[in-house]
Amino acid sequence: MNSTRRPPPMSSFLPPETVDMMLQYGGNLPQDFAVDEQMTVLFTDLREFTQFAEKHDPRKIYETLNASIALQTRIVARHHGSVNKFMGDGILAIFAGDERTENAAHCMLDLARELPLIKQDDVEYQSCGVGFGMQDGKVLYCLLGDENRREFTVIGDVPNTAARLCGSAKSFEGLMTEACYQRLPASFAKAHACFYEEMKLRGKRNLIKVYRIVV
């Protein structure tokens, strides 16, 4: 019997939309590949992770980080999203299609519900809460880099705003813009979303209306 282990599939390491592009274009992707897309972008970020990392050895940091990231990845996939990239101690997830914002909102709701349950016996882990932020709109889905290293990413005001909201969220709190709120089904909005405040985000000239996910 051949005991040689097969390598994991390419889809284990790359976002599905990247795999699709590679299968479609092969090695002929243009260096300046970029397409306009309507997407809902979701950012997550661990709170007080720098302080946590300062006090623990790398393996403990890895265990804590990987437990959080692994669960987040499963929840994003559950709601038909894609983890575009790991951002150190958080993720950037994208959702496409007509139901993109509803899917992203359900994802955010499950993140807020399930992440606090990790390692409940580990008090120190609980100090590493996760914040979430999301925005919907037009992005440029594009290829960055050169022939030595390239990756797909999303560029524009939408991911920037989602990242700013994520940075303003408290532990296990999800914030979204009015653009996202308006795209939600009325039943979901009534049960799981509420107006939070008008917020001045760093780098933004005007106040924006921010809504909060209610668990």
N, C-alpha and C. Protein backbone atom coordinates (compact mmCIF):
# COMPACT_ATOMS: atom_id res chain seq x y z
N MET A 1 0.84 -1.18 0.00
CA MET A 1 0.00 0.00 0.00
C MET A 1 0.89 1.25 0.00
N ASN A 2 0.55 2.19 -0.87
CA ASN A 2 1.33 3.42 -0.96
C ASN A 2 0.94 4.36 0.18
N SER A 3 1.93 4.65 1.04
CA SER A 3 1.64 5.47 2.21
C SER A 3 2.00 6.94 1.98
N THR A 4 2.39 7.27 0.74
CA THR A 4 2.77 8.65 0.45
C THR A 4 1.57 9.57 0.64
N ARG A 5 1.78 10.60 1.43
CA ARG A 5 0.69 11.54 1.71
C ARG A 5 0.58 12.55 0.58
N ARG A 6 -0.64 12.77 0.14
CA ARG A 6 -0.86 13.78 -0.89
C ARG A 6 -0.82 15.17 -0.28
N PRO A 7 -0.29 16.13 -1.00
CA PRO A 7 -0.29 17.50 -0.48
C PRO A 7 -1.72 18.02 -0.39
N PRO A 8 -1.98 18.94 0.53
CA PRO A 8 -3.33 19.50 0.62
C PRO A 8 -3.68 20.24 -0.65
N PRO A 9 -4.97 20.32 -0.98
CA PRO A 9 -5.37 21.00 -2.21
C PRO A 9 -5.03 22.48 -2.16
N MET A 10 -4.87 23.08 -3.36
CA MET A 10 -4.54 24.49 -3.47
C MET A 10 -5.57 25.36 -2.76
N SER A 11 -6.83 24.90 -2.73
CA SER A 11 -7.90 25.69 -2.12
C SER A 11 -7.74 25.81 -0.61
N SER A 12 -6.86 24.99 0.00
CA SER A 12 -6.62 25.12 1.44
C SER A 12 -5.77 26.34 1.76
N PHE A 13 -5.03 26.82 0.76
CA PHE A 13 -4.11 27.92 0.99
C PHE A 13 -4.55 29.23 0.34
N LEU A 14 -5.44 29.14 -0.63
CA LEU A 14 -5.85 30.31 -1.39
C LEU A 14 -7.35 30.54 -1.30
N PRO A 15 -7.79 31.80 -1.31
CA PRO A 15 -9.23 32.07 -1.33
C PRO A 15 -9.87 31.46 -2.57
N PRO A 16 -11.13 31.01 -2.48
CA PRO A 16 -11.76 30.36 -3.63
C PRO A 16 -11.83 31.23 -4.87
N GLU A 17 -12.02 32.55 -4.69
CA GLU A 17 -12.09 33.40 -5.88
C GLU A 17 -10.73 33.48 -6.57
N THR A 18 -9.63 33.35 -5.79
CA THR A 18 -8.29 33.32 -6.39
C THR A 18 -8.09 32.03 -7.17
N VAL A 19 -8.51 30.91 -6.59
CA VAL A 19 -8.41 29.63 -7.28
C VAL A 19 -9.21 29.66 -8.58
N ASP A 20 -10.42 30.23 -8.53
CA ASP A 20 -11.25 30.32 -9.74
C ASP A 20 -10.55 31.12 -10.83
N MET A 21 -9.94 32.24 -10.44
CA MET A 21 -9.23 33.07 -11.42
C MET A 21 -8.05 32.31 -12.02
N MET A 22 -7.32 31.58 -11.19
CA MET A 22 -6.17 30.82 -11.68
C MET A 22 -6.60 29.72 -12.65
N LEU A 23 -7.72 29.05 -12.32
CA LEU A 23 -8.22 28.00 -13.21
C LEU A 23 -8.73 28.59 -14.52
N GLN A 24 -9.32 29.78 -14.45
CA GLN A 24 -9.87 30.41 -15.64
C GLN A 24 -8.78 30.94 -16.56
N TYR A 25 -7.77 31.58 -15.97
CA TYR A 25 -6.75 32.24 -16.78
C TYR A 25 -5.43 31.48 -16.86
N GLY A 26 -5.24 30.50 -15.98
CA GLY A 26 -3.97 29.79 -15.96
C GLY A 26 -2.84 30.75 -15.65
N GLY A 27 -1.77 30.68 -16.40
CA GLY A 27 -0.63 31.58 -16.18
C GLY A 27 -0.72 32.86 -16.98
N ASN A 28 -1.90 33.15 -17.55
CA ASN A 28 -2.02 34.30 -18.45
C ASN A 28 -2.72 35.49 -17.81
N LEU A 29 -2.77 35.54 -16.48
CA LEU A 29 -3.38 36.69 -15.83
C LEU A 29 -2.53 37.93 -16.10
N PRO A 30 -3.14 38.98 -16.60
CA PRO A 30 -2.37 40.20 -16.85
C PRO A 30 -1.86 40.81 -15.55
N GLN A 31 -0.72 41.45 -15.63
CA GLN A 31 -0.11 42.06 -14.45
C GLN A 31 -1.01 43.10 -13.83
N ASP A 32 -1.80 43.80 -14.66
CA ASP A 32 -2.66 44.87 -14.17
C ASP A 32 -4.13 44.45 -14.09
N PHE A 33 -4.35 43.16 -13.81
CA PHE A 33 -5.73 42.64 -13.72
C PHE A 33 -6.50 43.37 -12.62
N ALA A 34 -7.66 43.94 -12.97
CA ALA A 34 -8.49 44.66 -11.99
C ALA A 34 -9.91 44.75 -12.53
N VAL A 35 -10.90 44.39 -11.70
CA VAL A 35 -12.30 44.47 -12.11
C VAL A 35 -13.11 45.15 -11.02
N ASP A 36 -14.12 45.90 -11.44
CA ASP A 36 -15.04 46.54 -10.50
C ASP A 36 -16.07 45.52 -10.03
N GLU A 37 -16.31 45.46 -8.73
CA GLU A 37 -17.27 44.53 -8.16
C GLU A 37 -18.06 45.22 -7.05
N GLN A 38 -19.31 44.76 -6.84
CA GLN A 38 -20.09 45.16 -5.67
C GLN A 38 -19.89 44.08 -4.61
N MET A 39 -19.39 44.47 -3.46
CA MET A 39 -19.09 43.50 -2.41
C MET A 39 -19.42 44.08 -1.04
N THR A 40 -19.67 43.17 -0.11
CA THR A 40 -19.68 43.53 1.31
C THR A 40 -18.38 43.03 1.91
N VAL A 41 -17.67 43.93 2.57
CA VAL A 41 -16.35 43.62 3.12
C VAL A 41 -16.46 43.60 4.65
N LEU A 42 -15.91 42.56 5.24
CA LEU A 42 -15.94 42.38 6.70
C LEU A 42 -14.52 42.26 7.23
N PHE A 43 -14.17 43.11 8.17
CA PHE A 43 -12.88 43.03 8.87
C PHE A 43 -13.10 42.54 10.29
N THR A 44 -12.14 41.77 10.80
CA THR A 44 -12.12 41.40 12.21
C THR A 44 -10.72 41.69 12.76
N ASP A 45 -10.65 41.89 14.06
CA ASP A 45 -9.36 42.22 14.67
C ASP A 45 -9.41 41.89 16.16
N LEU A 46 -8.38 41.21 16.64
CA LEU A 46 -8.30 40.88 18.06
C LEU A 46 -7.97 42.12 18.88
N ARG A 47 -8.65 42.27 20.01
CA ARG A 47 -8.41 43.39 20.91
C ARG A 47 -7.31 43.05 21.92
N GLU A 48 -6.47 44.02 22.21
CA GLU A 48 -5.42 43.88 23.22
C GLU A 48 -4.46 42.73 22.92
N PHE A 49 -4.33 42.41 21.62
CA PHE A 49 -3.47 41.28 21.27
C PHE A 49 -2.00 41.61 21.47
N THR A 50 -1.62 42.85 21.25
CA THR A 50 -0.22 43.25 21.44
C THR A 50 0.20 43.03 22.89
N GLN A 51 -0.68 43.42 23.83
CA GLN A 51 -0.38 43.23 25.25
C GLN A 51 -0.32 41.74 25.59
N PHE A 52 -1.23 40.97 25.00
CA PHE A 52 -1.24 39.52 25.22
C PHE A 52 0.06 38.90 24.71
N ALA A 53 0.48 39.31 23.51
CA ALA A 53 1.69 38.74 22.91
C ALA A 53 2.94 39.09 23.71
N GLU A 54 2.93 40.25 24.34
CA GLU A 54 4.07 40.69 25.13
C GLU A 54 4.30 39.81 26.34
N LYS A 55 3.21 39.18 26.85
CA LYS A 55 3.29 38.42 28.10
C LYS A 55 3.45 36.91 27.90
N HIS A 56 3.33 36.42 26.65
CA HIS A 56 3.32 34.97 26.45
C HIS A 56 4.36 34.54 25.43
N ASP A 57 4.70 33.25 25.50
CA ASP A 57 5.68 32.76 24.55
C ASP A 57 5.00 32.49 23.20
N PRO A 58 5.79 32.39 22.11
CA PRO A 58 5.21 32.30 20.76
C PRO A 58 4.22 31.15 20.57
N ARG A 59 4.46 30.01 21.24
CA ARG A 59 3.53 28.89 21.03
C ARG A 59 2.16 29.18 21.65
N LYS A 60 2.14 29.80 22.81
CA LYS A 60 0.87 30.18 23.42
C LYS A 60 0.16 31.22 22.54
N ILE A 61 0.93 32.15 22.01
CA ILE A 61 0.35 33.16 21.11
C ILE A 61 -0.26 32.48 19.89
N TYR A 62 0.49 31.53 19.32
CA TYR A 62 0.00 30.79 18.15
C TYR A 62 -1.29 30.04 18.46
N GLU A 63 -1.32 29.34 19.60
CA GLU A 63 -2.52 28.57 19.95
C GLU A 63 -3.74 29.48 20.09
N THR A 64 -3.55 30.61 20.73
CA THR A 64 -4.65 31.55 20.92
C THR A 64 -5.12 32.12 19.60
N LEU A 65 -4.15 32.57 18.80
CA LEU A 65 -4.48 33.17 17.51
C LEU A 65 -5.12 32.17 16.57
N ASN A 66 -4.56 30.96 16.50
CA ASN A 66 -5.08 29.98 15.56
C ASN A 66 -6.47 29.49 15.95
N ALA A 67 -6.74 29.39 17.25
CA ALA A 67 -8.09 29.00 17.68
C ALA A 67 -9.12 30.01 17.19
N SER A 68 -8.79 31.29 17.30
CA SER A 68 -9.70 32.35 16.86
C SER A 68 -9.84 32.38 15.34
N ILE A 69 -8.71 32.36 14.63
CA ILE A 69 -8.73 32.47 13.18
C ILE A 69 -9.41 31.26 12.54
N ALA A 70 -9.16 30.07 13.08
CA ALA A 70 -9.77 28.86 12.52
C ALA A 70 -11.28 28.90 12.63
N LEU A 71 -11.79 29.32 13.79
CA LEU A 71 -13.24 29.42 13.97
C LEU A 71 -13.82 30.50 13.06
N GLN A 72 -13.14 31.64 12.97
CA GLN A 72 -13.62 32.71 12.10
C GLN A 72 -13.72 32.23 10.65
N THR A 73 -12.71 31.50 10.20
CA THR A 73 -12.69 31.00 8.82
C THR A 73 -13.86 30.08 8.56
N ARG A 74 -14.17 29.20 9.51
CA ARG A 74 -15.30 28.28 9.35
C ARG A 74 -16.62 29.05 9.30
N ILE A 75 -16.76 30.07 10.13
CA ILE A 75 -18.01 30.83 10.16
C ILE A 75 -18.19 31.63 8.87
N VAL A 76 -17.11 32.21 8.35
CA VAL A 76 -17.20 32.93 7.08
C VAL A 76 -17.65 31.99 5.96
N ALA A 77 -17.06 30.80 5.89
CA ALA A 77 -17.43 29.83 4.86
C ALA A 77 -18.88 29.39 5.01
N ARG A 78 -19.33 29.23 6.26
CA ARG A 78 -20.71 28.83 6.54
C ARG A 78 -21.71 29.80 5.92
N HIS A 79 -21.32 31.07 5.84
CA HIS A 79 -22.23 32.10 5.34
C HIS A 79 -21.84 32.58 3.94
N HIS A 80 -21.20 31.69 3.18
CA HIS A 80 -20.93 31.91 1.75
C HIS A 80 -20.00 33.09 1.49
N GLY A 81 -19.11 33.36 2.45
CA GLY A 81 -18.10 34.37 2.24
C GLY A 81 -16.76 33.73 1.97
N SER A 82 -15.76 34.58 1.74
CA SER A 82 -14.41 34.10 1.46
C SER A 82 -13.42 34.92 2.27
N VAL A 83 -12.50 34.23 2.94
CA VAL A 83 -11.42 34.93 3.62
C VAL A 83 -10.40 35.33 2.58
N ASN A 84 -10.36 36.62 2.27
CA ASN A 84 -9.43 37.11 1.26
C ASN A 84 -8.00 37.08 1.76
N LYS A 85 -7.81 37.42 3.05
CA LYS A 85 -6.46 37.33 3.61
C LYS A 85 -6.52 37.34 5.14
N PHE A 86 -5.49 36.76 5.74
CA PHE A 86 -5.28 36.87 7.17
C PHE A 86 -4.46 38.13 7.42
N MET A 87 -4.93 38.93 8.38
CA MET A 87 -4.31 40.23 8.64
C MET A 87 -3.60 40.21 10.00
N GLY A 88 -2.66 39.32 10.17
CA GLY A 88 -1.96 39.23 11.45
C GLY A 88 -2.85 38.62 12.51
N ASP A 89 -3.59 39.46 13.26
CA ASP A 89 -4.47 38.95 14.31
C ASP A 89 -5.94 39.13 13.94
N GLY A 90 -6.24 39.21 12.65
CA GLY A 90 -7.62 39.30 12.19
C GLY A 90 -7.74 38.81 10.76
N ILE A 91 -8.90 39.02 10.17
CA ILE A 91 -9.12 38.59 8.79
C ILE A 91 -9.82 39.69 7.99
N LEU A 92 -9.68 39.59 6.68
CA LEU A 92 -10.45 40.38 5.74
C LEU A 92 -11.29 39.38 4.96
N ALA A 93 -12.62 39.46 5.09
CA ALA A 93 -13.53 38.55 4.39
C ALA A 93 -14.38 39.34 3.40
N ILE A 94 -14.70 38.72 2.28
CA ILE A 94 -15.51 39.37 1.26
C ILE A 94 -16.72 38.51 0.92
N PHE A 95 -17.82 39.20 0.60
CA PHE A 95 -19.08 38.55 0.26
C PHE A 95 -19.59 39.18 -1.03
N ALA A 96 -20.02 38.34 -1.96
CA ALA A 96 -20.50 38.82 -3.25
C ALA A 96 -21.91 38.28 -3.51
N GLY A 97 -22.55 38.81 -4.55
CA GLY A 97 -23.88 38.34 -4.91
C GLY A 97 -24.99 39.18 -4.31
N ASP A 98 -26.21 38.89 -4.71
CA ASP A 98 -27.36 39.69 -4.26
C ASP A 98 -27.58 39.62 -2.76
N GLU A 99 -27.25 38.50 -2.14
CA GLU A 99 -27.48 38.33 -0.70
C GLU A 99 -26.22 38.56 0.13
N ARG A 100 -25.27 39.28 -0.45
CA ARG A 100 -23.96 39.42 0.18
C ARG A 100 -24.03 40.08 1.56
N THR A 101 -24.82 41.14 1.69
CA THR A 101 -24.84 41.85 2.97
C THR A 101 -25.59 41.06 4.03
N GLU A 102 -26.67 40.40 3.64
CA GLU A 102 -27.37 39.53 4.59
C GLU A 102 -26.46 38.41 5.06
N ASN A 103 -25.72 37.80 4.13
CA ASN A 103 -24.79 36.74 4.52
C ASN A 103 -23.71 37.26 5.46
N ALA A 104 -23.18 38.44 5.15
CA ALA A 104 -22.14 39.03 6.00
C ALA A 104 -22.68 39.36 7.39
N ALA A 105 -23.92 39.84 7.46
CA ALA A 105 -24.52 40.18 8.75
C ALA A 105 -24.75 38.93 9.60
N HIS A 106 -25.24 37.86 8.96
CA HIS A 106 -25.40 36.59 9.68
C HIS A 106 -24.03 36.09 10.16
N CYS A 107 -23.01 36.26 9.33
CA CYS A 107 -21.67 35.87 9.70
C CYS A 107 -21.20 36.64 10.92
N MET A 108 -21.40 37.96 10.90
CA MET A 108 -20.99 38.80 12.02
C MET A 108 -21.73 38.39 13.30
N LEU A 109 -23.00 38.06 13.17
CA LEU A 109 -23.80 37.65 14.32
C LEU A 109 -23.23 36.36 14.92
N ASP A 110 -22.91 35.40 14.08
CA ASP A 110 -22.35 34.14 14.58
C ASP A 110 -20.96 34.33 15.16
N LEU A 111 -20.16 35.22 14.57
CA LEU A 111 -18.85 35.52 15.14
C LEU A 111 -18.99 36.06 16.55
N ALA A 112 -19.92 36.99 16.74
CA ALA A 112 -20.13 37.59 18.05
C ALA A 112 -20.66 36.58 19.06
N ARG A 113 -21.42 35.60 18.59
CA ARG A 113 -21.97 34.57 19.48
C ARG A 113 -20.95 33.50 19.84
N GLU A 114 -20.17 33.06 18.86
CA GLU A 114 -19.37 31.86 19.04
C GLU A 114 -17.94 32.11 19.51
N LEU A 115 -17.35 33.23 19.11
CA LEU A 115 -15.96 33.47 19.51
C LEU A 115 -15.77 33.58 21.02
N PRO A 116 -16.72 34.17 21.78
CA PRO A 116 -16.52 34.22 23.23
C PRO A 116 -16.52 32.86 23.90
N LEU A 117 -16.97 31.82 23.20
CA LEU A 117 -17.06 30.48 23.80
C LEU A 117 -15.76 29.70 23.70
N ILE A 118 -14.77 30.22 22.95
CA ILE A 118 -13.50 29.50 22.83
C ILE A 118 -12.79 29.47 24.17
N LYS A 119 -12.36 28.29 24.58
CA LYS A 119 -11.54 28.14 25.78
C LYS A 119 -12.08 28.95 26.95
N GLN A 120 -13.30 28.65 27.33
CA GLN A 120 -13.91 29.41 28.42
C GLN A 120 -13.14 29.32 29.74
N ASP A 121 -12.34 28.25 29.88
CA ASP A 121 -11.57 28.08 31.11
C ASP A 121 -10.29 28.92 31.10
N ASP A 122 -10.00 29.56 29.96
CA ASP A 122 -8.78 30.34 29.82
C ASP A 122 -9.12 31.82 29.98
N VAL A 123 -8.96 32.33 31.17
CA VAL A 123 -9.34 33.71 31.46
C VAL A 123 -8.54 34.69 30.61
N GLU A 124 -7.27 34.38 30.40
CA GLU A 124 -6.42 35.29 29.63
C GLU A 124 -6.87 35.38 28.19
N TYR A 125 -7.36 34.26 27.65
CA TYR A 125 -7.85 34.31 26.27
C TYR A 125 -9.01 35.29 26.15
N GLN A 126 -9.87 35.33 27.16
CA GLN A 126 -11.05 36.18 27.09
C GLN A 126 -10.67 37.66 26.99
N SER A 127 -9.45 38.02 27.39
CA SER A 127 -9.03 39.41 27.24
C SER A 127 -8.77 39.76 25.79
N CYS A 128 -8.64 38.74 24.94
CA CYS A 128 -8.40 38.97 23.51
C CYS A 128 -9.72 38.90 22.76
N GLY A 129 -10.62 39.81 23.08
CA GLY A 129 -11.89 39.87 22.36
C GLY A 129 -11.66 40.29 20.92
N VAL A 130 -12.67 40.08 20.07
CA VAL A 130 -12.56 40.41 18.66
C VAL A 130 -13.61 41.46 18.31
N GLY A 131 -13.20 42.46 17.53
CA GLY A 131 -14.13 43.46 17.02
C GLY A 131 -14.37 43.23 15.53
N PHE A 132 -15.54 43.68 15.05
CA PHE A 132 -15.91 43.46 13.65
C PHE A 132 -16.43 44.76 13.03
N GLY A 133 -16.15 44.94 11.75
CA GLY A 133 -16.69 46.09 11.03
C GLY A 133 -16.97 45.72 9.60
N MET A 134 -18.08 46.24 9.05
CA MET A 134 -18.38 45.91 7.65
C MET A 134 -19.00 47.09 6.90
N GLN A 135 -18.74 47.08 5.59
CA GLN A 135 -19.26 48.09 4.69
C GLN A 135 -19.56 47.43 3.35
N ASP A 136 -20.50 48.01 2.62
CA ASP A 136 -20.90 47.48 1.32
C ASP A 136 -20.74 48.55 0.25
N GLY A 137 -20.39 48.11 -0.96
CA GLY A 137 -20.31 49.05 -2.07
C GLY A 137 -19.34 48.57 -3.13
N LYS A 138 -18.94 49.50 -3.96
CA LYS A 138 -18.07 49.20 -5.09
C LYS A 138 -16.62 49.09 -4.65
N VAL A 139 -15.97 48.01 -5.05
CA VAL A 139 -14.55 47.82 -4.78
C VAL A 139 -13.84 47.49 -6.09
N LEU A 140 -12.55 47.67 -6.09
CA LEU A 140 -11.72 47.18 -7.19
C LEU A 140 -11.09 45.88 -6.71
N TYR A 141 -11.47 44.79 -7.37
CA TYR A 141 -10.90 43.48 -7.06
C TYR A 141 -9.73 43.29 -8.01
N CYS A 142 -8.53 43.25 -7.46
CA CYS A 142 -7.37 43.39 -8.34
C CYS A 142 -6.20 42.54 -7.86
N LEU A 143 -5.19 42.53 -8.72
CA LEU A 143 -3.98 41.76 -8.48
C LEU A 143 -2.84 42.72 -8.15
N LEU A 144 -2.18 42.47 -7.02
CA LEU A 144 -1.05 43.30 -6.60
C LEU A 144 0.23 42.46 -6.59
N GLY A 145 1.34 43.12 -6.88
CA GLY A 145 2.63 42.46 -6.81
C GLY A 145 3.31 42.35 -8.16
N ASP A 146 4.32 41.46 -8.23
CA ASP A 146 5.03 41.26 -9.49
C ASP A 146 5.15 39.76 -9.75
N GLU A 147 6.03 39.39 -10.69
CA GLU A 147 6.12 37.98 -11.07
C GLU A 147 6.65 37.11 -9.94
N ASN A 148 7.26 37.70 -8.93
CA ASN A 148 7.78 36.92 -7.81
C ASN A 148 6.75 36.63 -6.74
N ARG A 149 5.79 37.54 -6.58
CA ARG A 149 4.76 37.36 -5.54
C ARG A 149 3.56 38.22 -5.88
N ARG A 150 2.41 37.58 -6.09
CA ARG A 150 1.20 38.32 -6.42
C ARG A 150 0.04 37.78 -5.58
N GLU A 151 -0.92 38.64 -5.28
CA GLU A 151 -2.12 38.20 -4.59
C GLU A 151 -3.29 39.12 -4.96
N PHE A 152 -4.47 38.54 -4.86
CA PHE A 152 -5.69 39.32 -5.09
C PHE A 152 -6.07 40.06 -3.82
N THR A 153 -6.60 41.25 -3.99
CA THR A 153 -7.08 42.03 -2.87
C THR A 153 -8.23 42.92 -3.30
N VAL A 154 -8.83 43.62 -2.36
CA VAL A 154 -9.89 44.58 -2.66
C VAL A 154 -9.41 45.96 -2.25
N ILE A 155 -9.67 46.93 -3.12
CA ILE A 155 -9.18 48.29 -2.90
C ILE A 155 -10.35 49.27 -3.04
N GLY A 156 -10.32 50.31 -2.23
CA GLY A 156 -11.32 51.37 -2.34
C GLY A 156 -11.76 51.85 -0.97
N ASP A 157 -12.74 52.75 -0.98
CA ASP A 157 -13.23 53.30 0.28
C ASP A 157 -13.98 52.26 1.11
N VAL A 158 -14.57 51.27 0.46
CA VAL A 158 -15.35 50.25 1.17
C VAL A 158 -14.49 49.47 2.17
N PRO A 159 -13.38 48.84 1.75
CA PRO A 159 -12.56 48.14 2.75
C PRO A 159 -11.94 49.09 3.77
N ASN A 160 -11.61 50.31 3.36
CA ASN A 160 -11.05 51.27 4.33
C ASN A 160 -12.06 51.58 5.43
N THR A 161 -13.33 51.80 5.03
CA THR A 161 -14.36 52.11 6.02
C THR A 161 -14.63 50.92 6.93
N ALA A 162 -14.68 49.73 6.35
CA ALA A 162 -14.89 48.52 7.16
C ALA A 162 -13.77 48.36 8.19
N ALA A 163 -12.53 48.64 7.78
CA ALA A 163 -11.40 48.53 8.69
C ALA A 163 -11.50 49.57 9.82
N ARG A 164 -11.92 50.78 9.48
CA ARG A 164 -12.06 51.83 10.50
C ARG A 164 -13.15 51.46 11.51
N LEU A 165 -14.27 50.92 11.02
CA LEU A 165 -15.34 50.50 11.93
C LEU A 165 -14.87 49.37 12.83
N CYS A 166 -14.14 48.43 12.26
CA CYS A 166 -13.60 47.34 13.05
C CYS A 166 -12.71 47.88 14.17
N GLY A 167 -11.90 48.88 13.85
CA GLY A 167 -11.03 49.47 14.85
C GLY A 167 -11.78 50.19 15.95
N SER A 168 -13.02 50.63 15.66
CA SER A 168 -13.82 51.34 16.66
C SER A 168 -14.70 50.41 17.49
N ALA A 169 -14.84 49.16 17.07
CA ALA A 169 -15.72 48.22 17.76
C ALA A 169 -15.10 47.71 19.05
N LYS A 170 -15.94 47.47 20.04
CA LYS A 170 -15.50 46.87 21.29
C LYS A 170 -15.37 45.36 21.10
N SER A 171 -14.92 44.68 22.14
CA SER A 171 -14.78 43.23 22.06
C SER A 171 -16.11 42.55 21.74
N PHE A 172 -16.08 41.69 20.74
CA PHE A 172 -17.24 40.92 20.30
C PHE A 172 -18.41 41.83 19.88
N GLU A 173 -18.07 43.01 19.37
CA GLU A 173 -19.08 43.95 18.89
C GLU A 173 -18.92 44.11 17.38
N GLY A 174 -20.06 44.11 16.66
CA GLY A 174 -20.05 44.28 15.23
C GLY A 174 -20.70 45.59 14.82
N LEU A 175 -20.00 46.40 14.02
CA LEU A 175 -20.50 47.68 13.55
C LEU A 175 -20.60 47.68 12.03
N MET A 176 -21.62 48.37 11.51
CA MET A 176 -21.81 48.45 10.07
C MET A 176 -22.29 49.85 9.70
N THR A 177 -22.18 50.17 8.43
CA THR A 177 -22.64 51.47 7.94
C THR A 177 -24.14 51.42 7.62
N GLU A 178 -24.69 52.60 7.35
CA GLU A 178 -26.09 52.66 6.93
C GLU A 178 -26.29 51.95 5.60
N ALA A 179 -25.29 51.99 4.73
CA ALA A 179 -25.39 51.30 3.44
C ALA A 179 -25.63 49.80 3.64
N CYS A 180 -24.98 49.22 4.64
CA CYS A 180 -25.21 47.81 4.95
C CYS A 180 -26.59 47.62 5.57
N TYR A 181 -26.93 48.46 6.52
CA TYR A 181 -28.21 48.34 7.21
C TYR A 181 -29.37 48.39 6.23
N GLN A 182 -29.30 49.27 5.25
CA GLN A 182 -30.39 49.42 4.28
C GLN A 182 -30.54 48.19 3.38
N ARG A 183 -29.52 47.39 3.26
CA ARG A 183 -29.59 46.20 2.41
C ARG A 183 -30.07 44.96 3.18
N LEU A 184 -30.25 45.06 4.47
CA LEU A 184 -30.67 43.91 5.26
C LEU A 184 -32.16 43.66 5.13
N PRO A 185 -32.59 42.40 5.15
CA PRO A 185 -34.03 42.11 5.22
C PRO A 185 -34.64 42.74 6.47
N ALA A 186 -35.85 43.22 6.35
CA ALA A 186 -36.49 43.92 7.47
C ALA A 186 -36.55 43.05 8.73
N SER A 187 -36.79 41.76 8.56
CA SER A 187 -36.90 40.87 9.72
C SER A 187 -35.58 40.76 10.47
N PHE A 188 -34.47 40.68 9.71
CA PHE A 188 -33.16 40.60 10.36
C PHE A 188 -32.82 41.92 11.03
N ALA A 189 -33.06 43.02 10.32
CA ALA A 189 -32.74 44.34 10.88
C ALA A 189 -33.50 44.59 12.17
N LYS A 190 -34.77 44.19 12.20
CA LYS A 190 -35.59 44.40 13.40
C LYS A 190 -35.09 43.58 14.58
N ALA A 191 -34.66 42.36 14.30
CA ALA A 191 -34.25 41.46 15.38
C ALA A 191 -32.80 41.64 15.81
N HIS A 192 -31.93 42.03 14.88
CA HIS A 192 -30.50 41.94 15.18
C HIS A 192 -29.67 43.18 14.83
N ALA A 193 -30.30 44.31 14.57
CA ALA A 193 -29.53 45.51 14.26
C ALA A 193 -30.21 46.73 14.86
N CYS A 194 -29.43 47.70 15.25
CA CYS A 194 -29.99 48.94 15.80
C CYS A 194 -29.03 50.09 15.53
N PHE A 195 -29.58 51.30 15.51
CA PHE A 195 -28.73 52.47 15.33
C PHE A 195 -27.80 52.62 16.52
N TYR A 196 -26.55 52.91 16.25
CA TYR A 196 -25.53 53.01 17.30
C TYR A 196 -25.19 54.47 17.58
N GLU A 197 -24.66 55.17 16.60
CA GLU A 197 -24.36 56.59 16.75
C GLU A 197 -23.83 57.14 15.42
N GLU A 198 -23.77 58.46 15.31
CA GLU A 198 -23.06 59.09 14.21
C GLU A 198 -21.61 59.18 14.63
N MET A 199 -20.75 58.65 13.80
CA MET A 199 -19.36 58.47 14.20
C MET A 199 -18.42 59.19 13.25
N LYS A 200 -17.39 59.77 13.79
CA LYS A 200 -16.32 60.38 12.98
C LYS A 200 -15.19 59.37 12.89
N LEU A 201 -15.01 58.80 11.71
CA LEU A 201 -13.96 57.82 11.53
C LEU A 201 -12.67 58.51 11.09
N ARG A 202 -11.57 57.96 11.53
CA ARG A 202 -10.27 58.53 11.18
C ARG A 202 -10.10 58.60 9.67
N GLY A 203 -9.73 59.77 9.18
CA GLY A 203 -9.52 59.96 7.75
C GLY A 203 -10.76 60.36 6.98
N LYS A 204 -11.94 60.32 7.63
CA LYS A 204 -13.20 60.70 6.98
C LYS A 204 -13.54 62.15 7.30
N ARG A 205 -14.05 62.86 6.30
CA ARG A 205 -14.39 64.27 6.52
C ARG A 205 -15.72 64.43 7.24
N ASN A 206 -16.67 63.54 6.97
CA ASN A 206 -18.02 63.69 7.52
C ASN A 206 -18.36 62.58 8.50
N LEU A 207 -19.31 62.88 9.39
CA LEU A 207 -19.85 61.85 10.27
C LEU A 207 -20.60 60.82 9.44
N ILE A 208 -20.57 59.57 9.87
CA ILE A 208 -21.37 58.54 9.20
C ILE A 208 -22.27 57.86 10.23
N LYS A 209 -23.45 57.44 9.77
CA LYS A 209 -24.36 56.72 10.65
C LYS A 209 -23.90 55.28 10.78
N VAL A 210 -23.78 54.86 12.02
CA VAL A 210 -23.25 53.52 12.30
C VAL A 210 -24.33 52.71 13.02
N TYR A 211 -24.48 51.46 12.60
CA TYR A 211 -25.43 50.54 13.20
C TYR A 211 -24.67 49.40 13.85
N ARG A 212 -25.31 48.80 14.83
CA ARG A 212 -24.67 47.75 15.63
C ARG A 212 -25.43 46.46 15.52
N ILE A 213 -24.70 45.35 15.41
CA ILE A 213 -25.33 44.03 15.45
C ILE A 213 -25.74 43.71 16.87
N VAL A 214 -26.98 43.25 17.04
CA VAL A 214 -27.50 42.89 18.37
C VAL A 214 -27.57 41.38 18.46
N VAL A 215 -26.84 40.82 19.39
CA VAL A 215 -26.81 39.35 19.54
C VAL A 215 -28.04 38.87 20.29
